[in-house]
Amino acid sequence: MNQRRVLVVEDEPTIAQSVAARLRGEGYLVDIAADGPSAVSAAAAYPPDIVVLDVMLPGFDGLEVCRRIQAERPVPVLMVTARGDETDMLIGLGVGADDYLTKPFSMRELAARVAVLLRRVDRAASTVVPRQLGPLRINAAERRVFLEESEVHLTPTEFDLLSSLASRPRAVHSREQLLSTVWGWSDAFASRTVDSHIKSLRRKIGAELIRTVHGVGYALEIPR
């Protein structure tokens, strides 16, 4: 199996080198960028399998880096922030981040989060979901989604979330189930993460296709 490539975007050299050393020790190829523009350039020159992305960066911030990278190709993003503000986390998830860590963090936890995100992408690629669901066509092998005849650009997490809902159309999936299946979490406190991604997914495929069951969760509502 080819080595996975990680792009570490961090402007503090000590942290960047520590993260890179730990991930190289886990068997990954690692590239480092210290500011927004060089991060976008590095992602284009050496497409990563996953990005570990600090929010506060010179040039332009991690949110803009995430937007630009995701506009080119969907790639898992683990966002790192020095602030524990929930608003920052939700904004990050809204622009395409898949998970987040708040500084200070342990290198062990960071490595575990990277491994979980990569496993999710691999698992979703091998998951069999219905090929045609009303106006939606989902190609699991290529991780592509079409609405009618137009391709919809989804982030890796949005694709995994849609695939999970599509595995049982019209059935209600609780937030806890979605957290466990898509994120690999079991923390009910993180249910806002699901809500944020559902909101983004609705903007892209149409609000009418995802039904909210208040107090429980969501269902993919395919026309009969």
C-alpha atoms as a PDB file:
ATOM      1  CA  MET A   1       0.000   0.000   0.000  1.00  0.00           C
ATOM      2  CA  ASN A   2       1.321   3.463  -0.866  1.00  0.00           C
ATOM      3  CA  GLN A   3       2.325   5.729   1.990  1.00  0.00           C
ATOM      4  CA  ARG A   4      -0.261   8.311   2.916  1.00  0.00           C
ATOM      5  CA  ARG A   5       0.806  11.948   2.568  1.00  0.00           C
ATOM      6  CA  VAL A   6      -0.005  14.488   5.277  1.00  0.00           C
ATOM      7  CA  LEU A   7       0.265  18.249   4.855  1.00  0.00           C
ATOM      8  CA  VAL A   8       0.969  19.944   8.212  1.00  0.00           C
ATOM      9  CA  VAL A   9       0.163  23.665   8.156  1.00  0.00           C
ATOM     10  CA  GLU A  10       1.538  25.364  11.266  1.00  0.00           C
ATOM     11  CA  ASP A  11       3.447  28.629  11.712  1.00  0.00           C
ATOM     12  CA  GLU A  12       5.107  27.687  15.023  1.00  0.00           C
ATOM     13  CA  PRO A  13       8.246  25.740  13.998  1.00  0.00           C
ATOM     14  CA  THR A  14       8.502  23.733  17.224  1.00  0.00           C
ATOM     15  CA  ILE A  15       4.915  22.493  16.958  1.00  0.00           C
ATOM     16  CA  ALA A  16       5.209  21.843  13.218  1.00  0.00           C
ATOM     17  CA  GLN A  17       8.359  19.757  13.656  1.00  0.00           C
ATOM     18  CA  SER A  18       6.902  17.838  16.606  1.00  0.00           C
ATOM     19  CA  VAL A  19       3.733  16.994  14.669  1.00  0.00           C
ATOM     20  CA  ALA A  20       5.742  16.028  11.586  1.00  0.00           C
ATOM     21  CA  ALA A  21       8.079  13.817  13.620  1.00  0.00           C
ATOM     22  CA  ARG A  22       5.195  11.966  15.248  1.00  0.00           C
ATOM     23  CA  LEU A  23       3.384  11.411  11.958  1.00  0.00           C
ATOM     24  CA  ARG A  24       6.555  10.281  10.193  1.00  0.00           C
ATOM     25  CA  GLY A  25       7.019   7.846  13.052  1.00  0.00           C
ATOM     26  CA  GLU A  26       3.541   6.514  12.250  1.00  0.00           C
ATOM     27  CA  GLY A  27       4.648   5.849   8.674  1.00  0.00           C
ATOM     28  CA  TYR A  28       3.253   8.893   6.856  1.00  0.00           C
ATOM     29  CA  LEU A  29       4.968  11.112   4.310  1.00  0.00           C
ATOM     30  CA  VAL A  30       4.816  14.650   5.726  1.00  0.00           C
ATOM     31  CA  ASP A  31       5.063  18.078   4.086  1.00  0.00           C
ATOM     32  CA  ILE A  32       5.102  21.287   6.136  1.00  0.00           C
ATOM     33  CA  ALA A  33       3.790  24.753   5.275  1.00  0.00           C
ATOM     34  CA  ALA A  34       4.081  27.779   7.569  1.00  0.00           C
ATOM     35  CA  ASP A  35       1.532  30.207   6.084  1.00  0.00           C
ATOM     36  CA  GLY A  36      -1.687  30.311   4.087  1.00  0.00           C
ATOM     37  CA  PRO A  37      -0.312  30.878   0.561  1.00  0.00           C
ATOM     38  CA  SER A  38       2.407  28.211   0.873  1.00  0.00           C
ATOM     39  CA  ALA A  39      -0.159  25.747   2.241  1.00  0.00           C
ATOM     40  CA  VAL A  40      -2.364  26.137  -0.831  1.00  0.00           C
ATOM     41  CA  SER A  41       0.674  25.851  -3.117  1.00  0.00           C
ATOM     42  CA  ALA A  42       1.914  22.727  -1.321  1.00  0.00           C
ATOM     43  CA  ALA A  43      -1.515  21.083  -1.562  1.00  0.00           C
ATOM     44  CA  ALA A  44      -1.515  21.698  -5.314  1.00  0.00           C
ATOM     45  CA  ALA A  45       2.068  20.527  -5.878  1.00  0.00           C
ATOM     46  CA  TYR A  46       1.918  17.440  -3.631  1.00  0.00           C
ATOM     47  CA  PRO A  47      -1.762  16.492  -3.150  1.00  0.00           C
ATOM     48  CA  PRO A  48      -2.148  15.282   0.437  1.00  0.00           C
ATOM     49  CA  ASP A  49      -4.366  12.477   1.681  1.00  0.00           C
ATOM     50  CA  ILE A  50      -5.138  14.582   4.758  1.00  0.00           C
ATOM     51  CA  VAL A  51      -4.346  18.101   6.030  1.00  0.00           C
ATOM     52  CA  VAL A  52      -3.535  19.049   9.634  1.00  0.00           C
ATOM     53  CA  LEU A  53      -4.364  22.749   9.571  1.00  0.00           C
ATOM     54  CA  ASP A  54      -3.806  25.464  12.166  1.00  0.00           C
ATOM     55  CA  VAL A  55      -6.442  28.213  12.156  1.00  0.00           C
ATOM     56  CA  MET A  56      -4.184  31.182  12.945  1.00  0.00           C
ATOM     57  CA  LEU A  57      -1.695  31.633  10.096  1.00  0.00           C
ATOM     58  CA  PRO A  58       0.240  34.446   8.383  1.00  0.00           C
ATOM     59  CA  GLY A  59      -0.833  35.432   4.886  1.00  0.00           C
ATOM     60  CA  PHE A  60      -4.407  34.259   5.262  1.00  0.00           C
ATOM     61  CA  ASP A  61      -5.929  32.081   7.921  1.00  0.00           C
ATOM     62  CA  GLY A  62      -6.686  28.382   8.038  1.00  0.00           C
ATOM     63  CA  LEU A  63     -10.345  28.900   7.203  1.00  0.00           C
ATOM     64  CA  GLU A  64      -9.376  30.437   3.857  1.00  0.00           C
ATOM     65  CA  VAL A  65      -6.788  27.687   3.292  1.00  0.00           C
ATOM     66  CA  CYS A  66      -9.511  25.106   3.897  1.00  0.00           C
ATOM     67  CA  ARG A  67     -11.883  26.812   1.453  1.00  0.00           C
ATOM     68  CA  ARG A  68      -9.254  26.984  -1.297  1.00  0.00           C
ATOM     69  CA  ILE A  69      -8.007  23.427  -0.870  1.00  0.00           C
ATOM     70  CA  GLN A  70     -11.522  21.984  -0.775  1.00  0.00           C
ATOM     71  CA  ALA A  71     -12.451  23.969  -3.885  1.00  0.00           C
ATOM     72  CA  GLU A  72      -9.791  22.053  -5.819  1.00  0.00           C
ATOM     73  CA  ARG A  73     -10.441  18.539  -4.500  1.00  0.00           C
ATOM     74  CA  PRO A  74     -12.106  17.016  -1.436  1.00  0.00           C
ATOM     75  CA  VAL A  75      -9.537  16.102   1.190  1.00  0.00           C
ATOM     76  CA  PRO A  76      -9.976  15.368   4.924  1.00  0.00           C
ATOM     77  CA  VAL A  77      -8.975  18.318   7.117  1.00  0.00           C
ATOM     78  CA  LEU A  78      -8.123  18.156  10.823  1.00  0.00           C
ATOM     79  CA  MET A  79      -8.291  21.750  12.032  1.00  0.00           C
ATOM     80  CA  VAL A  80      -6.194  22.889  14.994  1.00  0.00           C
ATOM     81  CA  THR A  81      -7.027  25.993  17.004  1.00  0.00           C
ATOM     82  CA  ALA A  82      -5.583  27.678  20.065  1.00  0.00           C
ATOM     83  CA  ARG A  83      -9.055  28.856  20.960  1.00  0.00           C
ATOM     84  CA  GLY A  84     -11.722  26.627  22.431  1.00  0.00           C
ATOM     85  CA  ASP A  85     -14.523  28.856  21.138  1.00  0.00           C
ATOM     86  CA  GLU A  86     -17.378  26.712  19.802  1.00  0.00           C
ATOM     87  CA  THR A  87     -18.093  29.375  17.153  1.00  0.00           C
ATOM     88  CA  ASP A  88     -14.618  28.917  15.684  1.00  0.00           C
ATOM     89  CA  MET A  89     -15.159  25.176  15.581  1.00  0.00           C
ATOM     90  CA  LEU A  90     -18.513  25.493  13.822  1.00  0.00           C
ATOM     91  CA  ILE A  91     -17.107  27.955  11.274  1.00  0.00           C
ATOM     92  CA  GLY A  92     -14.274  25.540  10.566  1.00  0.00           C
ATOM     93  CA  LEU A  93     -16.673  22.660  10.060  1.00  0.00           C
ATOM     94  CA  GLY A  94     -18.808  24.886   7.868  1.00  0.00           C
ATOM     95  CA  VAL A  95     -15.966  25.608   5.424  1.00  0.00           C
ATOM     96  CA  GLY A  96     -15.040  21.951   5.019  1.00  0.00           C
ATOM     97  CA  ALA A  97     -13.029  20.801   8.043  1.00  0.00           C
ATOM     98  CA  ASP A  98     -13.799  17.252   9.158  1.00  0.00           C
ATOM     99  CA  ASP A  99     -12.551  17.295  12.744  1.00  0.00           C
ATOM    100  CA  TYR A 100     -10.826  19.684  15.113  1.00  0.00           C
ATOM    101  CA  LEU A 101      -8.352  19.741  17.990  1.00  0.00           C
ATOM    102  CA  THR A 102      -7.793  22.515  20.511  1.00  0.00           C
ATOM    103  CA  LYS A 103      -4.263  23.387  21.626  1.00  0.00           C
ATOM    104  CA  PRO A 104      -2.598  22.093  23.696  1.00  0.00           C
ATOM    105  CA  PHE A 105      -3.131  18.526  22.461  1.00  0.00           C
ATOM    106  CA  SER A 106      -1.213  15.285  22.815  1.00  0.00           C
ATOM    107  CA  MET A 107       0.633  13.926  19.803  1.00  0.00           C
ATOM    108  CA  ARG A 108      -0.963  10.570  20.527  1.00  0.00           C
ATOM    109  CA  GLU A 109      -4.451  12.055  20.153  1.00  0.00           C
ATOM    110  CA  LEU A 110      -3.499  13.889  16.962  1.00  0.00           C
ATOM    111  CA  ALA A 111      -2.115  10.699  15.401  1.00  0.00           C
ATOM    112  CA  ALA A 112      -5.264   8.835  16.417  1.00  0.00           C
ATOM    113  CA  ARG A 113      -7.523  11.490  14.854  1.00  0.00           C
ATOM    114  CA  VAL A 114      -5.540  11.376  11.597  1.00  0.00           C
ATOM    115  CA  ALA A 115      -5.843   7.582  11.474  1.00  0.00           C
ATOM    116  CA  VAL A 116      -9.602   7.721  12.135  1.00  0.00           C
ATOM    117  CA  LEU A 117     -10.188  10.264   9.351  1.00  0.00           C
ATOM    118  CA  LEU A 118      -8.238   8.190   6.841  1.00  0.00           C
ATOM    119  CA  ARG A 119     -10.078   5.001   7.852  1.00  0.00           C
ATOM    120  CA  ARG A 120     -13.386   6.786   7.347  1.00  0.00           C
ATOM    121  CA  VAL A 121     -12.460   7.736   3.796  1.00  0.00           C
ATOM    122  CA  ASP A 122     -11.352   4.168   3.037  1.00  0.00           C
ATOM    123  CA  ARG A 123     -14.472   2.658   4.584  1.00  0.00           C
ATOM    124  CA  ALA A 124     -16.819   4.998   2.741  1.00  0.00           C
ATOM    125  CA  ALA A 125     -15.145   4.196  -0.583  1.00  0.00           C
ATOM    126  CA  SER A 126     -15.893   0.507  -0.088  1.00  0.00           C
ATOM    127  CA  THR A 127     -19.420   1.016   1.269  1.00  0.00           C
ATOM    128  CA  VAL A 128     -22.182  -0.072  -1.077  1.00  0.00           C
ATOM    129  CA  VAL A 129     -25.009   2.461  -1.197  1.00  0.00           C
ATOM    130  CA  PRO A 130     -27.936   2.674  -3.617  1.00  0.00           C
ATOM    131  CA  ARG A 131     -26.684   4.103  -6.891  1.00  0.00           C
ATOM    132  CA  GLN A 132     -29.786   6.159  -7.675  1.00  0.00           C
ATOM    133  CA  LEU A 133     -31.937   7.756  -4.983  1.00  0.00           C
ATOM    134  CA  GLY A 134     -34.562   9.970  -6.545  1.00  0.00           C
ATOM    135  CA  PRO A 135     -32.681  12.946  -7.996  1.00  0.00           C
ATOM    136  CA  LEU A 136     -29.421  11.851  -6.330  1.00  0.00           C
ATOM    137  CA  ARG A 137     -26.831   9.564  -7.887  1.00  0.00           C
ATOM    138  CA  ILE A 138     -24.049   8.424  -5.569  1.00  0.00           C
ATOM    139  CA  ASN A 139     -20.883   6.812  -6.859  1.00  0.00           C
ATOM    140  CA  ALA A 140     -19.223   5.370  -3.756  1.00  0.00           C
ATOM    141  CA  ALA A 141     -16.110   4.103  -5.545  1.00  0.00           C
ATOM    142  CA  GLU A 142     -15.330   7.527  -7.048  1.00  0.00           C
ATOM    143  CA  ARG A 143     -16.835   9.467  -4.097  1.00  0.00           C
ATOM    144  CA  ARG A 144     -18.903  11.605  -6.463  1.00  0.00           C
ATOM    145  CA  VAL A 145     -22.482  12.834  -6.130  1.00  0.00           C
ATOM    146  CA  PHE A 146     -24.805  14.123  -8.827  1.00  0.00           C
ATOM    147  CA  LEU A 147     -28.054  16.027  -8.353  1.00  0.00           C
ATOM    148  CA  GLU A 148     -30.086  15.447 -11.506  1.00  0.00           C
ATOM    149  CA  GLU A 149     -27.277  15.847 -14.095  1.00  0.00           C
ATOM    150  CA  SER A 150     -25.065  18.292 -12.191  1.00  0.00           C
ATOM    151  CA  GLU A 151     -22.169  17.162 -10.020  1.00  0.00           C
ATOM    152  CA  VAL A 152     -22.277  18.392  -6.422  1.00  0.00           C
ATOM    153  CA  HIS A 153     -18.973  19.213  -4.746  1.00  0.00           C
ATOM    154  CA  LEU A 154     -18.959  17.672  -1.253  1.00  0.00           C
ATOM    155  CA  THR A 155     -16.237  17.612   1.352  1.00  0.00           C
ATOM    156  CA  PRO A 156     -15.136  14.145   2.546  1.00  0.00           C
ATOM    157  CA  THR A 157     -17.270  14.405   5.672  1.00  0.00           C
ATOM    158  CA  GLU A 158     -20.311  15.640   3.759  1.00  0.00           C
ATOM    159  CA  PHE A 159     -19.964  12.679   1.392  1.00  0.00           C
ATOM    160  CA  ASP A 160     -19.664  10.227   4.296  1.00  0.00           C
ATOM    161  CA  LEU A 161     -22.670  11.809   6.014  1.00  0.00           C
ATOM    162  CA  LEU A 162     -24.780  11.582   2.868  1.00  0.00           C
ATOM    163  CA  SER A 163     -23.669   7.974   2.312  1.00  0.00           C
ATOM    164  CA  SER A 164     -24.664   7.089   5.860  1.00  0.00           C
ATOM    165  CA  LEU A 165     -28.121   8.614   5.413  1.00  0.00           C
ATOM    166  CA  ALA A 166     -28.413   6.953   1.987  1.00  0.00           C
ATOM    167  CA  SER A 167     -27.650   3.526   3.421  1.00  0.00           C
ATOM    168  CA  ARG A 168     -31.217   3.522   4.812  1.00  0.00           C
ATOM    169  CA  PRO A 169     -33.315   6.055   2.862  1.00  0.00           C
ATOM    170  CA  ARG A 170     -36.264   7.552   4.769  1.00  0.00           C
ATOM    171  CA  ALA A 171     -35.146   5.864   8.006  1.00  0.00           C
ATOM    172  CA  VAL A 172     -34.327   8.199  10.878  1.00  0.00           C
ATOM    173  CA  HIS A 173     -30.663   8.286  11.886  1.00  0.00           C
ATOM    174  CA  SER A 174     -30.045   9.703  15.354  1.00  0.00           C
ATOM    175  CA  ARG A 175     -27.282  12.224  15.891  1.00  0.00           C
ATOM    176  CA  GLU A 176     -25.507   9.700  18.091  1.00  0.00           C
ATOM    177  CA  GLN A 177     -25.635   7.071  15.328  1.00  0.00           C
ATOM    178  CA  LEU A 178     -24.277   9.527  12.780  1.00  0.00           C
ATOM    179  CA  LEU A 179     -21.490  10.637  15.125  1.00  0.00           C
ATOM    180  CA  SER A 180     -20.475   7.027  15.661  1.00  0.00           C
ATOM    181  CA  THR A 181     -20.733   5.987  11.997  1.00  0.00           C
ATOM    182  CA  VAL A 182     -19.265   9.060  10.305  1.00  0.00           C
ATOM    183  CA  TRP A 183     -16.932  10.549  12.901  1.00  0.00           C
ATOM    184  CA  GLY A 184     -16.167   7.526  15.060  1.00  0.00           C
ATOM    185  CA  TRP A 185     -17.223   9.497  18.148  1.00  0.00           C
ATOM    186  CA  SER A 186     -19.657   8.570  20.898  1.00  0.00           C
ATOM    187  CA  ASP A 187     -19.799  11.951  22.643  1.00  0.00           C
ATOM    188  CA  ALA A 188     -23.397  13.214  22.568  1.00  0.00           C
ATOM    189  CA  PHE A 189     -22.105  16.720  23.411  1.00  0.00           C
ATOM    190  CA  ALA A 190     -20.655  16.879  19.905  1.00  0.00           C
ATOM    191  CA  SER A 191     -24.086  16.633  18.248  1.00  0.00           C
ATOM    192  CA  ARG A 192     -23.691  20.258  17.083  1.00  0.00           C
ATOM    193  CA  THR A 193     -21.032  18.885  14.746  1.00  0.00           C
ATOM    194  CA  VAL A 194     -23.697  16.807  12.987  1.00  0.00           C
ATOM    195  CA  ASP A 195     -26.083  19.760  12.794  1.00  0.00           C
ATOM    196  CA  SER A 196     -23.413  21.978  11.236  1.00  0.00           C
ATOM    197  CA  HIS A 197     -22.618  19.445   8.513  1.00  0.00           C
ATOM    198  CA  ILE A 198     -26.301  18.742   7.838  1.00  0.00           C
ATOM    199  CA  LYS A 199     -26.838  22.480   7.320  1.00  0.00           C
ATOM    200  CA  SER A 200     -23.998  22.586   4.788  1.00  0.00           C
ATOM    201  CA  LEU A 201     -25.227  19.431   3.045  1.00  0.00           C
ATOM    202  CA  ARG A 202     -28.722  20.891   2.709  1.00  0.00           C
ATOM    203  CA  ARG A 203     -27.336  23.978   0.992  1.00  0.00           C
ATOM    204  CA  LYS A 204     -25.726  21.754  -1.620  1.00  0.00           C
ATOM    205  CA  ILE A 205     -28.351  19.077  -2.353  1.00  0.00           C
ATOM    206  CA  GLY A 206     -31.542  20.882  -1.321  1.00  0.00           C
ATOM    207  CA  ALA A 207     -33.162  21.280   2.079  1.00  0.00           C
ATOM    208  CA  GLU A 208     -36.183  19.212   1.036  1.00  0.00           C
ATOM    209  CA  LEU A 209     -34.090  16.046   0.712  1.00  0.00           C
ATOM    210  CA  ILE A 210     -33.080  15.921   4.395  1.00  0.00           C
ATOM    211  CA  ARG A 211     -35.869  15.679   6.944  1.00  0.00           C
ATOM    212  CA  THR A 212     -35.334  16.780  10.529  1.00  0.00           C
ATOM    213  CA  VAL A 213     -36.922  14.638  13.230  1.00  0.00           C
ATOM    214  CA  HIS A 214     -36.842  17.032  16.169  1.00  0.00           C
ATOM    215  CA  GLY A 215     -35.116  15.683  19.221  1.00  0.00           C
ATOM    216  CA  VAL A 216     -33.925  12.590  17.363  1.00  0.00           C
ATOM    217  CA  GLY A 217     -31.960  13.143  14.147  1.00  0.00           C
ATOM    218  CA  TYR A 218     -32.256  13.180  10.355  1.00  0.00           C
ATOM    219  CA  ALA A 219     -33.498  11.149   7.401  1.00  0.00           C
ATOM    220  CA  LEU A 220     -32.803  11.257   3.672  1.00  0.00           C
ATOM    221  CA  GLU A 221     -36.249  11.940   2.262  1.00  0.00           C
ATOM    222  CA  ILE A 222     -36.300  10.547  -1.271  1.00  0.00           C
ATOM    223  CA  PRO A 223     -39.483  11.184  -3.312  1.00  0.00           C
ATOM    224  CA  ARG A 224     -41.530   8.027  -3.893  1.00  0.00           C
END
